């Protein structure tokens, strides 16, 4: 499997709050499909981290395609999003 770390920077707080229930449903659905192995906000509350697990052949563009379906992305609730391939040297996800 290949892993990707996505960092979300939240945008307008009221839009984030309004979209959060649909976002959490999306995260839960991707978790049940085995695509997301971890997700949650940083303690400061300004950003969140999502760890995706995709097939070995996956690219960052394919990881972006998955996250493009997130209501936070669809509704424009994010100020920024960064996706990078991640190499978990100490891998507890497998």
Protein backbone atom coordinates (compact mmCIF):
# COMPACT_ATOMS: atom_id res chain seq x y z
CA UNK A 1 0.00 0.00 0.00
CA UNK A 2 0.97 3.61 -0.51
CA UNK A 3 0.21 6.35 2.00
CA UNK A 4 -0.61 10.02 1.57
CA UNK A 5 -0.77 12.73 4.23
CA UNK A 6 -3.29 15.47 3.57
CA UNK A 7 -3.26 18.67 5.57
CA UNK A 8 -6.42 20.74 5.63
CA UNK A 9 -6.35 24.40 6.65
CA UNK A 10 -9.81 25.47 7.70
CA UNK A 11 -11.52 28.45 6.08
CA UNK A 12 -14.56 30.42 7.26
CA UNK A 13 -15.46 28.98 10.70
CA UNK A 14 -19.24 29.04 10.19
CA UNK A 15 -18.92 27.18 6.87
CA UNK A 16 -16.59 24.62 8.46
CA UNK A 17 -19.06 24.11 11.32
CA UNK A 18 -22.05 23.80 8.97
CA UNK A 19 -20.22 21.29 6.75
CA UNK A 20 -18.64 19.23 9.55
CA UNK A 21 -21.44 16.59 9.83
CA UNK A 22 -21.27 15.79 6.09
CA UNK A 23 -17.45 15.83 6.23
CA UNK A 24 -17.48 13.31 9.09
CA UNK A 25 -19.88 11.06 7.16
CA UNK A 26 -17.49 11.21 4.20
CA UNK A 27 -14.51 10.35 6.42
CA UNK A 28 -16.42 7.43 7.96
CA UNK A 29 -17.35 6.10 4.50
CA UNK A 30 -13.72 6.26 3.33
CA UNK A 31 -12.59 4.63 6.57
CA UNK A 32 -14.99 1.74 5.97
CA UNK A 33 -13.58 1.37 2.44
CA UNK A 34 -10.05 1.22 3.88
CA UNK A 35 -8.93 4.41 2.12
CA UNK A 36 -8.53 6.51 5.24
CA UNK A 37 -6.63 5.11 8.22
CA UNK A 38 -6.57 8.20 10.41
CA UNK A 39 -8.08 11.66 10.56
CA UNK A 40 -8.44 14.54 12.97
CA UNK A 41 -7.71 18.15 13.79
CA UNK A 42 -4.46 19.41 15.27
CA UNK A 43 -4.73 20.64 18.86
CA UNK A 44 -4.63 24.31 17.80
CA UNK A 45 -7.81 23.78 15.78
CA UNK A 46 -6.57 25.59 12.65
CA UNK A 47 -5.70 22.50 10.62
CA UNK A 48 -6.42 18.79 10.32
CA UNK A 49 -4.49 15.77 9.10
CA UNK A 50 -5.90 12.89 7.05
CA UNK A 51 -3.86 9.76 6.29
CA UNK A 52 -4.95 7.88 3.18
CA UNK A 53 -4.00 4.31 2.28
CA UNK A 54 -4.25 3.56 -1.44
CA UNK A 55 -2.90 0.87 -3.79
CA UNK A 56 0.85 0.85 -4.56
CA UNK A 57 0.16 2.29 -8.01
CA UNK A 58 -1.69 5.34 -6.64
CA UNK A 59 -0.50 8.88 -7.29
CA UNK A 60 -0.97 12.16 -5.44
CA UNK A 61 -3.52 13.07 -8.12
CA UNK A 62 -5.54 9.96 -7.23
CA UNK A 63 -5.37 10.86 -3.55
CA UNK A 64 -6.64 14.32 -4.49
CA UNK A 65 -9.49 12.72 -6.47
CA UNK A 66 -10.62 10.94 -3.29
CA UNK A 67 -10.45 14.10 -1.19
CA UNK A 68 -12.14 16.17 -3.90
CA UNK A 69 -15.32 14.32 -2.85
CA UNK A 70 -15.04 15.58 0.75
CA UNK A 71 -17.84 18.05 1.53
CA UNK A 72 -15.22 20.41 2.98
CA UNK A 73 -13.68 20.58 -0.50
CA UNK A 74 -16.98 20.57 -2.40
CA UNK A 75 -18.45 23.39 -0.29
CA UNK A 76 -15.27 25.50 -0.24
CA UNK A 77 -14.78 25.22 3.53
CA UNK A 78 -10.99 24.95 3.26
CA UNK A 79 -8.55 27.81 2.94
CA UNK A 80 -5.87 25.36 1.74
CA UNK A 81 -5.19 21.68 1.24
CA UNK A 82 -1.83 19.96 0.79
CA UNK A 83 -1.38 16.31 -0.17
CA UNK A 84 1.97 14.58 -0.07
CA UNK A 85 3.06 10.98 -0.41
CA UNK A 86 4.13 9.74 3.01
CA UNK A 87 6.55 6.94 3.89
CA UNK A 88 5.66 5.58 7.35
CA UNK A 89 8.95 4.00 8.43
CA UNK A 90 7.33 2.66 11.58
CA UNK A 91 4.11 1.42 10.00
CA UNK A 92 1.26 0.46 12.31
CA UNK A 93 -1.34 0.76 9.54
CA UNK A 94 -0.61 -2.50 7.73
